[in-house]
Every structure is written in C-alpha cells, then in structure tokens.
Amino acid sequence: MLDKLDDWPRHQIASAFDHVANGDYRWFDCYWFCACDPSGSVALVTGIGVYNNMNVLDAQACPRRHVEAYRSRGGP
C-alpha cells in the first residue's frame, strides 16, 4: 500500500516505501538539506539516512555561524 512517504524524492524504486532495491545490507536511502542566508554568514546542513536492511536510522546536523561550525550526529 502506498503512503505519503512514497512520493519523497529519495525513494529510488517503483515500489512501496517499505521495499528496498536489493538485499545488500549496505543499501540505504538518504536525504540532506542545506540552507544559508544570502550573505553566507549563517548556514545549516541536515541529513538523515535509512538503512532498511540493517534496521538502522541515522541523522546529522551542522549549523554554522560566521566561521564557527558545530556538528552533531546520531545513530548507532
């Protein structure tokens, strides 16, 4: 059954979101987003990765202000 997540640009096959392209444990879907102000003094990069064959989800965020950057990463 299709749901809202099946329309995300990161889904790589023509099947429901709970199916992956193959059985390889390294197969994953990921999505990242980057935003910054026009002057370039503030930026934010975020991302999320779904490793369906390993039952793992990880995420990251990196805000930057002027020349200082901070990184946070979650996952197993």
PDB file of N, CA and C in Angstrom:
ATOM      1  N   MET A   1       0.844  -1.174   0.000  1.00  0.00           N
ATOM      2  CA  MET A   1       0.000   0.000   0.000  1.00  0.00           C
ATOM      3  C   MET A   1       0.896   1.246   0.000  1.00  0.00           C
ATOM      4  N   LEU A   2       0.612   2.180  -0.877  1.00  0.00           N
ATOM      5  CA  LEU A   2       1.389   3.410  -0.954  1.00  0.00           C
ATOM      6  C   LEU A   2       0.974   4.372   0.150  1.00  0.00           C
ATOM      7  N   ASP A   3       1.929   5.157   0.635  1.00  0.00           N
ATOM      8  CA  ASP A   3       1.617   6.199   1.619  1.00  0.00           C
ATOM      9  C   ASP A   3       2.321   7.486   1.234  1.00  0.00           C
ATOM     10  N   LYS A   4       2.238   8.522   2.086  1.00  0.00           N
ATOM     11  CA  LYS A   4       2.809   9.835   1.771  1.00  0.00           C
ATOM     12  C   LYS A   4       4.311   9.780   1.515  1.00  0.00           C
ATOM     13  N   LEU A   5       5.028   8.922   2.219  1.00  0.00           N
ATOM     14  CA  LEU A   5       6.480   8.860   2.074  1.00  0.00           C
ATOM     15  C   LEU A   5       6.920   8.321   0.721  1.00  0.00           C
ATOM     16  N   ASP A   6       6.050   7.609   0.006  1.00  0.00           N
ATOM     17  CA  ASP A   6       6.418   7.073  -1.295  1.00  0.00           C
ATOM     18  C   ASP A   6       6.658   8.164  -2.326  1.00  0.00           C
ATOM     19  N   ASP A   7       6.206   9.372  -2.075  1.00  0.00           N
ATOM     20  CA  ASP A   7       6.405  10.475  -3.008  1.00  0.00           C
ATOM     21  C   ASP A   7       7.671  11.271  -2.743  1.00  0.00           C
ATOM     22  N   TRP A   8       8.429  10.940  -1.720  1.00  0.00           N
ATOM     23  CA  TRP A   8       9.672  11.650  -1.432  1.00  0.00           C
ATOM     24  C   TRP A   8      10.657  11.424  -2.560  1.00  0.00           C
ATOM     25  N   PRO A   9      11.488  12.425  -2.886  1.00  0.00           N
ATOM     26  CA  PRO A   9      12.449  12.255  -3.973  1.00  0.00           C
ATOM     27  C   PRO A   9      13.548  11.239  -3.663  1.00  0.00           C
ATOM     28  N   ARG A  10      13.726  10.855  -2.417  1.00  0.00           N
ATOM     29  CA  ARG A  10      14.809   9.937  -2.077  1.00  0.00           C
ATOM     30  C   ARG A  10      14.478   8.480  -2.317  1.00  0.00           C
ATOM     31  N   HIS A  11      13.219   8.142  -2.548  1.00  0.00           N
ATOM     32  CA  HIS A  11      12.864   6.745  -2.782  1.00  0.00           C
ATOM     33  C   HIS A  11      13.279   6.360  -4.192  1.00  0.00           C
ATOM     34  N   GLN A  12      14.069   5.285  -4.338  1.00  0.00           N
ATOM     35  CA  GLN A  12      14.768   5.013  -5.590  1.00  0.00           C
ATOM     36  C   GLN A  12      14.159   3.928  -6.462  1.00  0.00           C
ATOM     37  N   ILE A  13      13.067   3.293  -6.028  1.00  0.00           N
ATOM     38  CA  ILE A  13      12.474   2.243  -6.854  1.00  0.00           C
ATOM     39  C   ILE A  13      10.970   2.470  -6.976  1.00  0.00           C
ATOM     40  N   ALA A  14      10.370   1.841  -7.969  1.00  0.00           N
ATOM     41  CA  ALA A  14       8.934   1.992  -8.220  1.00  0.00           C
ATOM     42  C   ALA A  14       8.165   0.936  -7.442  1.00  0.00           C
ATOM     43  N   SER A  15       8.204   1.035  -6.125  1.00  0.00           N
ATOM     44  CA  SER A  15       7.510   0.109  -5.232  1.00  0.00           C
ATOM     45  C   SER A  15       7.179   0.872  -3.964  1.00  0.00           C
ATOM     46  N   ALA A  16       6.466   0.232  -3.063  1.00  0.00           N
ATOM     47  CA  ALA A  16       6.116   0.875  -1.794  1.00  0.00           C
ATOM     48  C   ALA A  16       7.379   1.211  -1.007  1.00  0.00           C
ATOM     49  N   PHE A  17       7.283   2.175  -0.116  1.00  0.00           N
ATOM     50  CA  PHE A  17       8.430   2.694   0.624  1.00  0.00           C
ATOM     51  C   PHE A  17       9.099   1.639   1.507  1.00  0.00           C
ATOM     52  N   ASP A  18       8.357   0.625   1.914  1.00  0.00           N
ATOM     53  CA  ASP A  18       8.945  -0.384   2.796  1.00  0.00           C
ATOM     54  C   ASP A  18       9.748  -1.447   2.041  1.00  0.00           C
ATOM     55  N   HIS A  19       9.879  -1.337   0.720  1.00  0.00           N
ATOM     56  CA  HIS A  19      10.687  -2.263  -0.075  1.00  0.00           C
ATOM     57  C   HIS A  19      11.956  -1.554  -0.523  1.00  0.00           C
ATOM     58  N   VAL A  20      13.073  -2.260  -0.480  1.00  0.00           N
ATOM     59  CA  VAL A  20      14.345  -1.685  -0.922  1.00  0.00           C
ATOM     60  C   VAL A  20      14.758  -2.309  -2.248  1.00  0.00           C
ATOM     61  N   ALA A  21      15.775  -1.723  -2.882  1.00  0.00           N
ATOM     62  CA  ALA A  21      16.181  -2.144  -4.220  1.00  0.00           C
ATOM     63  C   ALA A  21      16.770  -3.555  -4.251  1.00  0.00           C
ATOM     64  N   ASN A  22      17.482  -3.955  -3.194  1.00  0.00           N
ATOM     65  CA  ASN A  22      18.062  -5.301  -3.155  1.00  0.00           C
ATOM     66  C   ASN A  22      18.324  -5.715  -1.713  1.00  0.00           C
ATOM     67  N   GLY A  23      18.843  -6.911  -1.518  1.00  0.00           N
ATOM     68  CA  GLY A  23      19.071  -7.436  -0.178  1.00  0.00           C
ATOM     69  C   GLY A  23      20.414  -7.092   0.428  1.00  0.00           C
ATOM     70  N   ASP A  24      21.242  -6.327  -0.256  1.00  0.00           N
ATOM     71  CA  ASP A  24      22.554  -5.956   0.252  1.00  0.00           C
ATOM     72  C   ASP A  24      22.399  -5.157   1.554  1.00  0.00           C
ATOM     73  N   TYR A  25      23.103  -5.542   2.600  1.00  0.00           N
ATOM     74  CA  TYR A  25      22.952  -4.864   3.899  1.00  0.00           C
ATOM     75  C   TYR A  25      23.438  -3.421   3.853  1.00  0.00           C
ATOM     76  N   ARG A  26      24.270  -3.070   2.861  1.00  0.00           N
ATOM     77  CA  ARG A  26      24.776  -1.700   2.748  1.00  0.00           C
ATOM     78  C   ARG A  26      23.825  -0.771   2.005  1.00  0.00           C
ATOM     79  N   TRP A  27      22.723  -1.281   1.471  1.00  0.00           N
ATOM     80  CA  TRP A  27      21.786  -0.454   0.703  1.00  0.00           C
ATOM     81  C   TRP A  27      21.130   0.560   1.630  1.00  0.00           C
ATOM     82  N   PHE A  28      20.997   1.813   1.170  1.00  0.00           N
ATOM     83  CA  PHE A  28      20.381   2.841   2.003  1.00  0.00           C
ATOM     84  C   PHE A  28      19.713   3.914   1.158  1.00  0.00           C
ATOM     85  N   ASP A  29      18.801   4.619   1.766  1.00  0.00           N
ATOM     86  CA  ASP A  29      18.194   5.842   1.244  1.00  0.00           C
ATOM     87  C   ASP A  29      18.700   6.973   2.116  1.00  0.00           C
ATOM     88  N   CYS A  30      19.001   8.112   1.538  1.00  0.00           N
ATOM     89  CA  CYS A  30      19.395   9.249   2.362  1.00  0.00           C
ATOM     90  C   CYS A  30      18.834  10.542   1.771  1.00  0.00           C
ATOM     91  N   TYR A  31      18.727  11.525   2.610  1.00  0.00           N
ATOM     92  CA  TYR A  31      18.188  12.814   2.236  1.00  0.00           C
ATOM     93  C   TYR A  31      18.964  13.872   2.996  1.00  0.00           C
ATOM     94  N   TRP A  32      19.361  14.942   2.334  1.00  0.00           N
ATOM     95  CA  TRP A  32      20.045  16.021   3.029  1.00  0.00           C
ATOM     96  C   TRP A  32      19.456  17.346   2.581  1.00  0.00           C
ATOM     97  N   PHE A  33      19.592  18.340   3.437  1.00  0.00           N
ATOM     98  CA  PHE A  33      19.034  19.659   3.192  1.00  0.00           C
ATOM     99  C   PHE A  33      20.058  20.699   3.640  1.00  0.00           C
ATOM    100  N   CYS A  34      20.266  21.703   2.825  1.00  0.00           N
ATOM    101  CA  CYS A  34      21.203  22.770   3.135  1.00  0.00           C
ATOM    102  C   CYS A  34      20.500  24.113   2.958  1.00  0.00           C
ATOM    103  N   ALA A  35      20.662  25.003   3.943  1.00  0.00           N
ATOM    104  CA  ALA A  35      20.078  26.346   3.866  1.00  0.00           C
ATOM    105  C   ALA A  35      21.102  27.356   4.365  1.00  0.00           C
ATOM    106  N   CYS A  36      21.124  28.523   3.726  1.00  0.00           N
ATOM    107  CA  CYS A  36      22.017  29.584   4.181  1.00  0.00           C
ATOM    108  C   CYS A  36      21.413  30.937   3.831  1.00  0.00           C
ATOM    109  N   ASP A  37      21.856  31.954   4.543  1.00  0.00           N
ATOM    110  CA  ASP A  37      21.395  33.306   4.229  1.00  0.00           C
ATOM    111  C   ASP A  37      22.204  33.856   3.055  1.00  0.00           C
ATOM    112  N   PRO A  38      21.701  34.863   2.354  1.00  0.00           N
ATOM    113  CA  PRO A  38      22.397  35.383   1.174  1.00  0.00           C
ATOM    114  C   PRO A  38      23.808  35.905   1.459  1.00  0.00           C
ATOM    115  N   SER A  39      24.057  36.400   2.663  1.00  0.00           N
ATOM    116  CA  SER A  39      25.400  36.912   2.970  1.00  0.00           C
ATOM    117  C   SER A  39      26.399  35.796   3.239  1.00  0.00           C
ATOM    118  N   GLY A  40      25.913  34.589   3.495  1.00  0.00           N
ATOM    119  CA  GLY A  40      26.786  33.456   3.770  1.00  0.00           C
ATOM    120  C   GLY A  40      27.287  33.375   5.196  1.00  0.00           C
ATOM    121  N   SER A  41      26.754  34.211   6.093  1.00  0.00           N
ATOM    122  CA  SER A  41      27.260  34.198   7.463  1.00  0.00           C
ATOM    123  C   SER A  41      26.601  33.128   8.336  1.00  0.00           C
ATOM    124  N   VAL A  42      25.445  32.622   7.929  1.00  0.00           N
ATOM    125  CA  VAL A  42      24.735  31.597   8.695  1.00  0.00           C
ATOM    126  C   VAL A  42      24.317  30.485   7.728  1.00  0.00           C
ATOM    127  N   ALA A  43      24.533  29.237   8.136  1.00  0.00           N
ATOM    128  CA  ALA A  43      24.150  28.101   7.302  1.00  0.00           C
ATOM    129  C   ALA A  43      23.742  26.924   8.187  1.00  0.00           C
ATOM    130  N   LEU A  44      22.955  26.034   7.621  1.00  0.00           N
ATOM    131  CA  LEU A  44      22.535  24.825   8.316  1.00  0.00           C
ATOM    132  C   LEU A  44      22.485  23.689   7.301  1.00  0.00           C
ATOM    133  N   VAL A  45      23.154  22.591   7.633  1.00  0.00           N
ATOM    134  CA  VAL A  45      23.119  21.382   6.813  1.00  0.00           C
ATOM    135  C   VAL A  45      22.574  20.265   7.689  1.00  0.00           C
ATOM    136  N   THR A  46      21.545  19.573   7.224  1.00  0.00           N
ATOM    137  CA  THR A  46      20.982  18.446   7.959  1.00  0.00           C
ATOM    138  C   THR A  46      20.866  17.250   7.024  1.00  0.00           C
ATOM    139  N   GLY A  47      20.805  16.072   7.583  1.00  0.00           N
ATOM    140  CA  GLY A  47      20.662  14.876   6.772  1.00  0.00           C
ATOM    141  C   GLY A  47      20.097  13.730   7.582  1.00  0.00           C
ATOM    142  N   ILE A  48      19.519  12.767   6.870  1.00  0.00           N
ATOM    143  CA  ILE A  48      19.006  11.563   7.509  1.00  0.00           C
ATOM    144  C   ILE A  48      19.269  10.388   6.569  1.00  0.00           C
ATOM    145  N   GLY A  49      19.670   9.274   7.132  1.00  0.00           N
ATOM    146  CA  GLY A  49      19.922   8.063   6.355  1.00  0.00           C
ATOM    147  C   GLY A  49      19.121   6.905   6.912  1.00  0.00           C
ATOM    148  N   VAL A  50      18.528   6.118   6.017  1.00  0.00           N
ATOM    149  CA  VAL A  50      17.735   4.954   6.410  1.00  0.00           C
ATOM    150  C   VAL A  50      18.384   3.723   5.796  1.00  0.00           C
ATOM    151  N   TYR A  51      18.856   2.817   6.644  1.00  0.00           N
ATOM    152  CA  TYR A  51      19.473   1.568   6.222  1.00  0.00           C
ATOM    153  C   TYR A  51      18.472   0.451   6.520  1.00  0.00           C
ATOM    154  N   ASN A  52      17.542   0.228   5.588  1.00  0.00           N
ATOM    155  CA  ASN A  52      16.429  -0.701   5.836  1.00  0.00           C
ATOM    156  C   ASN A  52      16.888  -2.124   6.107  1.00  0.00           C
ATOM    157  N   ASN A  53      17.896  -2.607   5.398  1.00  0.00           N
ATOM    158  CA  ASN A  53      18.329  -3.995   5.564  1.00  0.00           C
ATOM    159  C   ASN A  53      19.093  -4.230   6.862  1.00  0.00           C
ATOM    160  N   MET A  54      19.503  -3.169   7.544  1.00  0.00           N
ATOM    161  CA  MET A  54      20.173  -3.295   8.844  1.00  0.00           C
ATOM    162  C   MET A  54      19.286  -2.769   9.970  1.00  0.00           C
ATOM    163  N   ASN A  55      18.092  -2.261   9.625  1.00  0.00           N
ATOM    164  CA  ASN A  55      17.159  -1.699  10.608  1.00  0.00           C
ATOM    165  C   ASN A  55      17.814  -0.553  11.383  1.00  0.00           C
ATOM    166  N   VAL A  56      18.470   0.367  10.639  1.00  0.00           N
ATOM    167  CA  VAL A  56      19.199   1.483  11.242  1.00  0.00           C
ATOM    168  C   VAL A  56      18.734   2.796  10.623  1.00  0.00           C
ATOM    169  N   LEU A  57      18.654   3.803  11.471  1.00  0.00           N
ATOM    170  CA  LEU A  57      18.346   5.169  11.055  1.00  0.00           C
ATOM    171  C   LEU A  57      19.395   6.074  11.674  1.00  0.00           C
ATOM    172  N   ASP A  58      20.029   6.941  10.880  1.00  0.00           N
ATOM    173  CA  ASP A  58      20.959   7.904  11.467  1.00  0.00           C
ATOM    174  C   ASP A  58      20.655   9.294  10.923  1.00  0.00           C
ATOM    175  N   ALA A  59      21.132  10.293  11.637  1.00  0.00           N
ATOM    176  CA  ALA A  59      20.851  11.680  11.266  1.00  0.00           C
ATOM    177  C   ALA A  59      22.052  12.546  11.610  1.00  0.00           C
ATOM    178  N   GLN A  60      22.102  13.723  10.993  1.00  0.00           N
ATOM    179  CA  GLN A  60      23.181  14.660  11.270  1.00  0.00           C
ATOM    180  C   GLN A  60      22.673  16.080  11.131  1.00  0.00           C
ATOM    181  N   ALA A  61      23.355  17.005  11.813  1.00  0.00           N
ATOM    182  CA  ALA A  61      23.061  18.429  11.698  1.00  0.00           C
ATOM    183  C   ALA A  61      24.361  19.194  11.882  1.00  0.00           C
ATOM    184  N   CYS A  62      24.545  20.241  11.099  1.00  0.00           N
ATOM    185  CA  CYS A  62      25.748  21.058  11.189  1.00  0.00           C
ATOM    186  C   CYS A  62      25.371  22.529  10.998  1.00  0.00           C
ATOM    187  N   PRO A  63      25.135  23.257  12.090  1.00  0.00           N
ATOM    188  CA  PRO A  63      24.900  24.696  11.949  1.00  0.00           C
ATOM    189  C   PRO A  63      26.227  25.439  11.884  1.00  0.00           C
ATOM    190  N   ARG A  64      26.235  26.544  11.143  1.00  0.00           N
ATOM    191  CA  ARG A  64      27.455  27.341  11.031  1.00  0.00           C
ATOM    192  C   ARG A  64      27.092  28.818  11.155  1.00  0.00           C
ATOM    193  N   ARG A  65      27.867  29.520  11.950  1.00  0.00           N
ATOM    194  CA  ARG A  65      27.688  30.965  12.110  1.00  0.00           C
ATOM    195  C   ARG A  65      29.045  31.616  11.920  1.00  0.00           C
ATOM    196  N   HIS A  66      29.154  32.454  10.912  1.00  0.00           N
ATOM    197  CA  HIS A  66      30.423  33.077  10.516  1.00  0.00           C
ATOM    198  C   HIS A  66      31.438  31.976  10.223  1.00  0.00           C
ATOM    199  N   VAL A  67      32.471  31.816  11.007  1.00  0.00           N
ATOM    200  CA  VAL A  67      33.473  30.780  10.729  1.00  0.00           C
ATOM    201  C   VAL A  67      33.384  29.600  11.698  1.00  0.00           C
ATOM    202  N   GLU A  68      32.465  29.649  12.669  1.00  0.00           N
ATOM    203  CA  GLU A  68      32.325  28.570  13.641  1.00  0.00           C
ATOM    204  C   GLU A  68      31.289  27.566  13.151  1.00  0.00           C
ATOM    205  N   ALA A  69      31.661  26.300  13.144  1.00  0.00           N
ATOM    206  CA  ALA A  69      30.751  25.232  12.738  1.00  0.00           C
ATOM    207  C   ALA A  69      30.672  24.193  13.857  1.00  0.00           C
ATOM    208  N   TYR A  70      29.486  23.633  14.051  1.00  0.00           N
ATOM    209  CA  TYR A  70      29.250  22.606  15.067  1.00  0.00           C
ATOM    210  C   TYR A  70      28.582  21.429  14.393  1.00  0.00           C
ATOM    211  N   ARG A  71      28.970  20.239  14.752  1.00  0.00           N
ATOM    212  CA  ARG A  71      28.410  19.049  14.106  1.00  0.00           C
ATOM    213  C   ARG A  71      27.831  18.126  15.178  1.00  0.00           C
ATOM    214  N   SER A  72      26.655  17.607  14.875  1.00  0.00           N
ATOM    215  CA  SER A  72      26.016  16.635  15.753  1.00  0.00           C
ATOM    216  C   SER A  72      25.559  15.481  14.879  1.00  0.00           C
ATOM    217  N   ARG A  73      25.807  14.272  15.332  1.00  0.00           N
ATOM    218  CA  ARG A  73      25.429  13.089  14.551  1.00  0.00           C
ATOM    219  C   ARG A  73      24.814  12.075  15.485  1.00  0.00           C
ATOM    220  N   GLY A  74      23.719  11.479  15.059  1.00  0.00           N
ATOM    221  CA  GLY A  74      23.053  10.465  15.866  1.00  0.00           C
ATOM    222  C   GLY A  74      22.923   9.173  15.099  1.00  0.00           C
ATOM    223  N   GLY A  75      22.877   8.102  15.818  1.00  0.00           N
ATOM    224  CA  GLY A  75      22.767   6.780  15.206  1.00  0.00           C
ATOM    225  C   GLY A  75      23.475   5.772  16.075  1.00  0.00           C
ATOM    226  N   PRO A  76      23.453   4.527  15.671  1.00  0.00           N
ATOM    227  CA  PRO A  76      24.111   3.501  16.481  1.00  0.00           C
ATOM    228  C   PRO A  76      25.615   3.587  16.435  1.00  0.00           C
TER     229      PRO A  76
END
